[in-house]
Amino acid sequence: MFSIGSLWSRTQGLTIAQRVAIISFLGQLYFFVPVMTPYLRGEGLSMAQIAGLQTALLWAQLVMEVPTGVLADRLGHRRSYQLALVLAVGAEISFLFAQNYGMFLLSQLIAGTGFAFASGSVDAYVYESLPSHNRTQRMQRARGEIGAATHLASVVAYGTTAVVAADLSHSRMVLTLLMGIVGLSIAVLLGLTLRDHPGTKRPAHQPTSAHLLRTGWRSIRQSRQLQRVMLLSLVANAFGAHLLVLYQDYFLQVGVSGRWFGLALSLGSVVAVGTQLVAWRLIPRFGTRRAMLLATGIPGVLYLGMALNNRPGLAVMLFVIQWGAIHLSGPLFAGLYNEYLGDEARATSLSLISGIVTVYVGAMGIVLGWLAGQSLAVMFGLMGVLVLLGAVLVRLDPESDVVSMRDEPSAAPG
């Protein structure tokens, strides 16, 4: 008989990271994403409004980052992750029944809150379950495997959508929404089977929210290494959340056939599976500086290619490679962030970092949304220049694994 207990018993031999990877696969079956822009256009929304929905999601995540990070450290990283899954289902259901722009905004606010709960808690939950030896590299590998699982789900979901909703009819696009809700619901059920790792440390006394905030901020303020890793993630940000929406209008403008909307994203996710699985190998092979330059610089070059191209076939090819490239640096940043954080306020600290990054991405999203309405070529060109400048001007010191600005003396560890 089907039950939560039977689901849990079937995963007893798996590590926490592997279980999270399975749940991430099911929770990433967003069949609707490749047809989101045509669907919203059919609902009467403009491109500026559609871009605004993405920005609203980012700002909702920003507002909720710190409160949810504190709650994760107080209530437990596992419980916070489980709540994130529940909110994800709620967001999709509210989107399904939305009938006006305000209701679509509400669904994004719910989704952003769910992302905020997940942003600090997932990495903290996985990191604290890993053996202490060589933990940073283990985290980069685990995060890559989880990322690969999410992108493998995208391969399945987007490839399916390419067949199910190739005609871009309203009924077919709604069907993709329903299919995604089913997948997320199963992810929630599996999420409820998660348990804390036996070695998870619990404080003798429950820390106050104010204490966790002070501790998290102190971790960032007192670590020059951590500050500079944050700087690199800011100035070399590839704006993947916005690309997910903007590529569809890009395809429409250059004349890409409707059947490629889902297929291209599916193929791009195949590339992303590969980049997530190999990302952890880059630093041992090339060194920290060159690995991070490679991981953050490639998307900038590809954005410039997209700005100059107006051929349908090349547009698909550039996007497919780009979608894999922008996810190459994620596991590397995850390992570096956790390396410099203490256990006491890990989720709070990660949420503070995520909040700082979200401020930049959200603010730039307003600019990018406006530019997209004027000229996609100019917008992609600007994105390419910004990403390349960040990748070149900020680099990691291979001797001490800290970040240093070009032409600035290397910082000493500590």
Protein backbone atom coordinates (compact mmCIF):
# COMPACT_ATOMS: atom_id res chain seq x y z
CA MET A 1 0.00 0.00 0.00
CA PHE A 2 1.25 3.49 -0.89
CA SER A 3 2.32 5.53 2.15
CA ILE A 4 4.90 8.08 3.26
CA GLY A 5 6.53 5.36 5.34
CA SER A 6 7.01 3.08 2.36
CA LEU A 7 8.53 5.93 0.39
CA TRP A 8 10.96 6.61 3.22
CA SER A 9 11.97 2.96 3.58
CA ARG A 10 12.87 2.75 -0.11
CA THR A 11 15.47 5.53 0.30
CA GLN A 12 17.23 4.25 3.43
CA GLY A 13 20.40 3.38 1.51
CA LEU A 14 20.75 6.83 -0.02
CA THR A 15 22.64 9.81 1.34
CA ILE A 16 20.81 13.02 2.17
CA ALA A 17 22.32 14.66 -0.91
CA GLN A 18 21.00 11.82 -3.11
CA ARG A 19 17.53 12.08 -1.60
CA VAL A 20 17.50 15.84 -2.14
CA ALA A 21 18.58 15.21 -5.74
CA ILE A 22 15.58 12.90 -6.32
CA ILE A 23 13.19 15.42 -4.77
CA SER A 24 14.79 18.18 -6.83
CA PHE A 25 14.18 16.18 -9.99
CA LEU A 26 10.47 15.84 -9.25
CA GLY A 27 10.19 19.43 -8.08
CA GLN A 28 11.74 20.75 -11.27
CA LEU A 29 9.24 19.23 -13.70
CA TYR A 30 8.07 22.65 -14.85
CA PHE A 31 6.50 21.63 -18.15
CA PHE A 32 4.95 25.09 -18.47
CA VAL A 33 8.12 27.21 -18.55
CA PRO A 34 8.89 26.98 -22.32
CA VAL A 35 5.43 28.32 -23.20
CA MET A 36 5.07 30.81 -20.36
CA THR A 37 5.62 33.92 -22.49
CA PRO A 38 3.15 32.93 -25.26
CA TYR A 39 0.62 31.95 -22.55
CA LEU A 40 0.94 35.27 -20.74
CA ARG A 41 0.84 37.17 -24.02
CA GLY A 42 -2.43 35.37 -24.72
CA GLU A 43 -3.69 36.52 -21.31
CA GLY A 44 -3.11 40.12 -22.40
CA LEU A 45 0.20 40.83 -20.65
CA SER A 46 2.91 42.93 -22.31
CA MET A 47 6.61 42.00 -22.38
CA ALA A 48 7.28 44.66 -19.76
CA GLN A 49 4.65 43.09 -17.49
CA ILE A 50 6.04 39.59 -18.08
CA ALA A 51 9.54 40.75 -17.24
CA GLY A 52 7.99 42.48 -14.24
CA LEU A 53 6.66 39.15 -12.99
CA GLN A 54 10.18 37.75 -12.92
CA THR A 55 11.39 40.85 -11.11
CA ALA A 56 8.51 40.54 -8.62
CA LEU A 57 9.54 36.95 -7.92
CA LEU A 58 13.11 38.07 -7.25
CA TRP A 59 12.03 40.92 -4.99
CA ALA A 60 9.67 38.65 -3.06
CA GLN A 61 12.58 36.30 -2.49
CA LEU A 62 14.71 39.25 -1.40
CA VAL A 63 12.22 40.50 1.18
CA MET A 64 11.78 37.03 2.64
CA GLU A 65 15.43 35.92 2.48
CA VAL A 66 16.55 36.97 5.94
CA PRO A 67 13.33 36.06 7.84
CA THR A 68 13.25 32.59 6.27
CA GLY A 69 16.99 32.09 6.87
CA VAL A 70 16.54 32.89 10.56
CA LEU A 71 13.55 30.55 10.76
CA ALA A 72 15.59 27.80 9.10
CA ASP A 73 18.32 28.09 11.74
CA ARG A 74 15.77 28.19 14.55
CA LEU A 75 13.32 25.53 13.38
CA GLY A 76 15.71 23.33 11.39
CA HIS A 77 17.02 23.29 7.84
CA ARG A 78 15.00 20.19 6.95
CA ARG A 79 11.68 21.69 8.00
CA SER A 80 12.44 24.87 6.11
CA TYR A 81 13.15 22.88 2.95
CA GLN A 82 9.89 20.96 3.33
CA LEU A 83 7.96 24.22 3.68
CA ALA A 84 9.65 25.51 0.52
CA LEU A 85 8.26 22.54 -1.42
CA VAL A 86 4.74 23.17 -0.13
CA LEU A 87 4.92 26.82 -1.18
CA ALA A 88 6.12 25.80 -4.64
CA VAL A 89 2.95 23.77 -5.16
CA GLY A 90 0.83 26.63 -3.86
CA ALA A 91 2.44 29.06 -6.29
CA GLU A 92 1.72 26.84 -9.29
CA ILE A 93 -1.90 26.31 -8.27
CA SER A 94 -2.46 30.06 -7.82
CA PHE A 95 -0.85 30.70 -11.22
CA LEU A 96 -3.21 28.17 -12.81
CA PHE A 97 -6.28 30.02 -11.55
CA ALA A 98 -4.94 33.56 -12.08
CA GLN A 99 -7.25 35.74 -14.19
CA ASN A 100 -5.53 39.12 -14.03
CA TYR A 101 -2.10 40.67 -13.53
CA GLY A 102 -2.59 41.06 -9.78
CA MET A 103 -3.28 37.36 -9.37
CA PHE A 104 -0.22 36.48 -11.45
CA LEU A 105 1.82 38.76 -9.17
CA LEU A 106 0.43 36.96 -6.11
CA SER A 107 1.60 33.61 -7.48
CA GLN A 108 5.08 35.05 -7.97
CA LEU A 109 5.11 36.36 -4.40
CA ILE A 110 4.29 32.87 -3.11
CA ALA A 111 6.95 31.32 -5.34
CA GLY A 112 9.53 33.89 -4.23
CA THR A 113 8.83 33.10 -0.58
CA GLY A 114 9.30 29.40 -1.32
CA PHE A 115 12.60 30.08 -3.05
CA ALA A 116 13.69 32.13 -0.03
CA PHE A 117 12.98 29.20 2.31
CA ALA A 118 14.98 26.90 0.04
CA SER A 119 17.95 29.18 -0.73
CA GLY A 120 19.59 28.94 2.67
CA SER A 121 18.15 25.71 4.00
CA VAL A 122 18.94 23.26 1.18
CA ASP A 123 22.68 23.92 1.08
CA ALA A 124 22.89 24.06 4.88
CA TYR A 125 20.95 20.79 5.20
CA VAL A 126 23.20 19.02 2.68
CA TYR A 127 26.48 20.54 3.89
CA GLU A 128 26.01 19.54 7.52
CA SER A 129 25.39 15.92 6.42
CA LEU A 130 28.76 15.62 4.67
CA PRO A 131 31.93 14.13 6.22
CA SER A 132 34.24 16.83 7.60
CA HIS A 133 37.22 15.74 5.48
CA ASN A 134 37.55 17.73 2.24
CA ARG A 135 34.07 19.16 2.84
CA THR A 136 34.29 22.02 0.35
CA GLN A 137 34.99 19.75 -2.61
CA ARG A 138 32.39 17.25 -1.39
CA MET A 139 29.85 20.07 -1.25
CA GLN A 140 30.72 21.21 -4.77
CA ARG A 141 30.25 17.66 -6.00
CA ALA A 142 26.98 17.16 -4.08
CA ARG A 143 25.63 20.51 -5.27
CA GLY A 144 26.57 19.59 -8.81
CA GLU A 145 24.71 16.30 -8.57
CA ILE A 146 21.62 18.04 -7.21
CA GLY A 147 21.87 20.62 -9.97
CA ALA A 148 22.27 17.87 -12.55
CA ALA A 149 19.09 16.23 -11.25
CA THR A 150 17.13 19.47 -11.63
CA HIS A 151 18.38 19.98 -15.17
CA LEU A 152 17.69 16.36 -16.06
CA ALA A 153 14.11 17.06 -14.98
CA SER A 154 14.14 20.05 -17.29
CA VAL A 155 15.25 17.80 -20.16
CA VAL A 156 12.24 15.59 -19.54
CA ALA A 157 9.79 18.44 -18.92
CA TYR A 158 10.81 20.74 -21.73
CA GLY A 159 11.19 17.92 -24.24
CA THR A 160 7.69 16.74 -23.34
CA THR A 161 6.34 20.26 -23.76
CA ALA A 162 7.89 20.47 -27.21
CA VAL A 163 5.53 17.64 -28.19
CA VAL A 164 2.49 18.36 -26.01
CA ALA A 165 2.26 22.13 -26.67
CA ALA A 166 3.98 22.55 -30.03
CA ASP A 167 0.91 24.33 -31.43
CA LEU A 168 0.96 26.85 -28.52
CA SER A 169 -2.80 26.44 -28.06
CA HIS A 170 -4.29 27.62 -24.76
CA SER A 171 -5.64 24.21 -23.72
CA ARG A 172 -2.28 22.53 -24.32
CA MET A 173 -0.40 25.18 -22.36
CA VAL A 174 -2.81 24.75 -19.45
CA LEU A 175 -2.18 21.00 -19.60
CA THR A 176 1.53 21.61 -19.07
CA LEU A 177 0.69 23.60 -15.93
CA LEU A 178 -1.36 20.70 -14.55
CA MET A 179 1.41 18.21 -15.29
CA GLY A 180 3.87 20.34 -13.33
CA ILE A 181 1.56 20.52 -10.34
CA VAL A 182 1.39 16.72 -10.23
CA GLY A 183 5.19 16.45 -10.23
CA LEU A 184 5.56 19.03 -7.48
CA SER A 185 2.94 17.28 -5.37
CA ILE A 186 4.93 14.04 -5.50
CA ALA A 187 8.06 16.01 -4.55
CA VAL A 188 6.24 17.33 -1.47
CA LEU A 189 5.29 13.78 -0.41
CA LEU A 190 8.90 12.61 -0.77
CA GLY A 191 10.11 15.73 1.02
CA LEU A 192 8.07 14.77 4.06
CA THR A 193 10.14 11.56 4.33
CA LEU A 194 13.37 13.50 4.96
CA ARG A 195 15.00 13.22 8.38
CA ASP A 196 17.88 15.06 10.03
CA HIS A 197 21.35 13.54 9.70
CA PRO A 198 22.39 11.66 12.88
CA GLY A 199 25.46 13.88 13.19
CA THR A 200 23.51 17.13 12.99
CA LYS A 201 24.44 19.36 15.91
CA ARG A 202 21.65 21.01 17.87
CA PRO A 203 22.40 24.00 20.11
CA ALA A 204 21.83 23.49 23.82
CA HIS A 205 19.81 26.69 23.92
CA GLN A 206 17.62 28.01 21.12
CA PRO A 207 19.37 31.12 19.69
CA THR A 208 17.33 34.26 19.31
CA SER A 209 16.63 35.75 15.90
CA ALA A 210 18.71 38.81 16.76
CA HIS A 211 21.65 36.61 17.74
CA LEU A 212 21.46 34.65 14.49
CA LEU A 213 21.34 37.87 12.47
CA ARG A 214 24.36 39.29 14.30
CA THR A 215 26.27 36.05 13.86
CA GLY A 216 25.41 35.78 10.17
CA TRP A 217 26.36 39.37 9.45
CA ARG A 218 29.59 38.99 11.45
CA SER A 219 30.53 35.96 9.34
CA ILE A 220 30.26 38.09 6.21
CA ARG A 221 31.78 41.27 7.63
CA GLN A 222 34.85 39.64 9.14
CA SER A 223 35.79 37.34 6.26
CA ARG A 224 37.55 39.08 3.40
CA GLN A 225 37.60 35.84 1.44
CA LEU A 226 33.83 35.50 1.69
CA GLN A 227 33.25 39.15 0.77
CA ARG A 228 35.27 38.80 -2.39
CA VAL A 229 33.62 35.56 -3.42
CA MET A 230 30.35 37.48 -3.08
CA LEU A 231 31.78 40.27 -5.24
CA LEU A 232 32.64 37.79 -7.98
CA SER A 233 29.15 36.28 -7.90
CA LEU A 234 27.66 39.78 -8.22
CA VAL A 235 29.67 41.30 -11.03
CA ALA A 236 29.83 38.09 -13.09
CA ASN A 237 26.14 37.23 -12.63
CA ALA A 238 24.67 35.73 -15.83
CA PHE A 239 21.01 36.66 -15.13
CA GLY A 240 19.71 33.15 -15.77
CA ALA A 241 16.27 33.87 -14.27
CA HIS A 242 15.69 36.63 -16.80
CA LEU A 243 17.11 34.63 -19.71
CA LEU A 244 14.43 32.01 -19.05
CA VAL A 245 11.81 34.56 -20.11
CA LEU A 246 13.74 36.67 -22.60
CA TYR A 247 14.97 33.83 -24.81
CA GLN A 248 11.38 33.15 -25.88
CA ASP A 249 10.92 36.67 -27.23
CA TYR A 250 14.38 36.38 -28.79
CA PHE A 251 13.24 33.25 -30.63
CA LEU A 252 10.08 35.00 -31.80
CA GLN A 253 12.04 37.96 -33.16
CA VAL A 254 14.55 35.90 -35.14
CA GLY A 255 11.88 33.54 -36.49
CA VAL A 256 12.51 30.34 -34.55
CA SER A 257 9.70 27.79 -34.98
CA GLY A 258 7.37 27.17 -32.03
CA ARG A 259 8.45 23.54 -31.70
CA TRP A 260 11.92 24.72 -30.66
CA PHE A 261 10.74 26.70 -27.62
CA GLY A 262 10.62 23.60 -25.41
CA LEU A 263 13.12 21.52 -27.34
CA ALA A 264 15.87 24.15 -27.14
CA LEU A 265 15.42 24.49 -23.39
CA SER A 266 15.44 20.71 -23.08
CA LEU A 267 18.69 20.46 -25.05
CA GLY A 268 20.14 23.30 -23.00
CA SER A 269 19.27 21.37 -19.87
CA VAL A 270 21.18 18.36 -21.27
CA VAL A 271 24.24 20.62 -21.50
CA ALA A 272 23.51 21.90 -17.97
CA VAL A 273 23.45 18.33 -16.61
CA GLY A 274 26.98 17.92 -17.95
CA THR A 275 28.27 21.24 -16.63
CA GLN A 276 26.82 20.56 -13.16
CA LEU A 277 28.43 17.12 -12.99
CA VAL A 278 31.90 18.29 -14.07
CA ALA A 279 31.98 21.66 -12.28
CA TRP A 280 33.58 20.27 -9.11
CA ARG A 281 36.49 18.91 -11.16
CA LEU A 282 37.50 22.32 -12.56
CA ILE A 283 39.35 23.68 -9.53
CA PRO A 284 41.52 20.55 -8.97
CA ARG A 285 42.31 20.48 -12.69
CA PHE A 286 42.84 24.15 -13.57
CA GLY A 287 43.31 25.88 -10.23
CA THR A 288 40.92 28.23 -8.52
CA ARG A 289 41.67 31.36 -10.56
CA ARG A 290 41.44 29.80 -14.01
CA ALA A 291 38.48 27.61 -13.10
CA MET A 292 36.41 30.56 -11.92
CA LEU A 293 37.46 32.70 -14.90
CA LEU A 294 36.31 29.91 -17.20
CA ALA A 295 33.06 29.27 -15.33
CA THR A 296 32.04 32.94 -15.15
CA GLY A 297 33.49 34.23 -18.44
CA ILE A 298 31.98 31.84 -20.99
CA PRO A 299 28.40 33.17 -20.54
CA GLY A 300 29.59 36.70 -21.32
CA VAL A 301 31.05 35.62 -24.65
CA LEU A 302 27.86 33.77 -25.55
CA TYR A 303 25.67 36.78 -24.70
CA LEU A 304 27.69 38.87 -27.14
CA GLY A 305 27.12 36.18 -29.77
CA MET A 306 23.38 36.33 -29.14
CA ALA A 307 23.44 40.12 -29.50
CA LEU A 308 25.06 39.90 -32.94
CA ASN A 309 23.01 36.98 -34.32
CA ASN A 310 19.73 37.10 -36.25
CA ARG A 311 19.68 33.58 -37.72
CA PRO A 312 17.14 31.10 -36.30
CA GLY A 313 19.41 28.04 -36.35
CA LEU A 314 22.32 29.83 -34.70
CA ALA A 315 19.96 31.42 -32.17
CA VAL A 316 18.90 27.97 -30.99
CA MET A 317 22.50 26.75 -30.85
CA LEU A 318 23.73 29.77 -28.89
CA PHE A 319 20.91 29.48 -26.37
CA VAL A 320 21.40 25.73 -25.87
CA ILE A 321 25.09 26.22 -25.04
CA GLN A 322 24.39 29.31 -22.95
CA TRP A 323 21.81 27.57 -20.79
CA GLY A 324 24.41 25.00 -19.81
CA ALA A 325 27.21 27.54 -19.40
CA ILE A 326 25.41 29.84 -16.95
CA HIS A 327 25.04 26.93 -14.49
CA LEU A 328 28.72 25.96 -14.48
CA SER A 329 29.72 28.28 -11.63
CA GLY A 330 26.86 27.41 -9.24
CA PRO A 331 28.40 24.36 -7.53
CA LEU A 332 31.74 26.17 -7.21
CA PHE A 333 30.18 29.14 -5.45
CA ALA A 334 28.17 26.81 -3.18
CA GLY A 335 31.33 25.14 -1.94
CA LEU A 336 33.21 28.40 -1.42
CA TYR A 337 30.34 30.06 0.46
CA ASN A 338 29.93 27.18 2.90
CA GLU A 339 33.69 26.89 3.45
CA TYR A 340 33.81 30.31 5.09
CA LEU A 341 30.64 30.02 7.22
CA GLY A 342 30.15 28.63 10.71
CA ASP A 343 27.49 26.08 11.60
CA GLU A 344 25.55 28.20 14.09
CA ALA A 345 23.94 30.61 11.63
CA ARG A 346 24.71 28.93 8.31
CA ALA A 347 21.22 29.29 6.77
CA THR A 348 20.95 32.89 8.01
CA SER A 349 24.33 33.74 6.49
CA LEU A 350 23.47 32.06 3.18
CA SER A 351 20.17 33.95 3.10
CA LEU A 352 21.95 37.25 3.73
CA ILE A 353 24.31 36.51 0.85
CA SER A 354 21.44 35.47 -1.39
CA GLY A 355 19.60 38.66 -0.44
CA ILE A 356 22.54 40.83 -1.45
CA VAL A 357 22.81 39.04 -4.79
CA THR A 358 19.06 39.31 -5.33
CA VAL A 359 19.14 43.10 -4.81
CA TYR A 360 21.59 43.40 -7.68
CA VAL A 361 19.78 40.93 -9.96
CA GLY A 362 16.39 42.46 -9.18
CA ALA A 363 17.57 46.02 -9.84
CA MET A 364 19.25 44.97 -13.06
CA GLY A 365 16.10 43.08 -14.04
CA ILE A 366 14.22 46.38 -14.23
CA VAL A 367 16.87 47.77 -16.58
CA LEU A 368 17.00 44.60 -18.65
CA GLY A 369 13.21 44.44 -18.93
CA TRP A 370 13.11 48.01 -20.22
CA LEU A 371 15.97 47.38 -22.66
CA ALA A 372 14.28 44.20 -23.90
CA GLY A 373 11.28 46.29 -24.89
CA GLN A 374 13.57 48.61 -26.86
CA SER A 375 16.10 46.20 -28.37
CA LEU A 376 16.98 42.65 -27.40
CA ALA A 377 20.31 42.95 -29.23
CA VAL A 378 21.36 45.93 -27.10
CA MET A 379 20.20 44.14 -23.96
CA PHE A 380 22.17 40.96 -24.70
CA GLY A 381 25.20 43.06 -25.62
CA LEU A 382 25.06 44.88 -22.28
CA MET A 383 24.70 41.59 -20.41
CA GLY A 384 27.72 40.17 -22.22
CA VAL A 385 29.89 43.18 -21.41
CA LEU A 386 28.90 43.18 -17.73
CA VAL A 387 29.55 39.47 -17.29
CA LEU A 388 32.92 39.60 -19.05
CA LEU A 389 34.07 42.61 -17.06
CA GLY A 390 33.19 40.83 -13.85
CA ALA A 391 34.94 37.61 -14.86
CA VAL A 392 38.13 39.41 -15.92
CA LEU A 393 38.39 42.11 -13.25
CA VAL A 394 37.65 39.84 -10.29
CA ARG A 395 39.65 36.68 -9.94
CA LEU A 396 40.63 34.10 -7.37
CA ASP A 397 44.12 33.90 -5.92
CA PRO A 398 45.22 30.29 -6.56
CA GLU A 399 47.72 30.37 -3.70
CA SER A 400 45.28 31.30 -0.95
CA ASP A 401 41.87 30.60 -2.55
CA VAL A 402 40.72 34.16 -1.91
CA VAL A 403 39.40 36.65 -4.42
CA SER A 404 41.53 39.59 -5.51
CA MET A 405 40.94 42.47 -7.88
CA ARG A 406 43.23 42.55 -10.91
CA ASP A 407 46.25 44.82 -10.33
CA GLU A 408 45.57 44.75 -6.58
CA PRO A 409 48.06 43.04 -4.22
CA SER A 410 46.95 39.58 -3.21
CA ALA A 411 45.19 39.44 0.13
CA ALA A 412 46.58 37.26 2.86
CA PRO A 413 44.36 34.51 4.15
CA GLY A 414 42.35 35.23 7.26
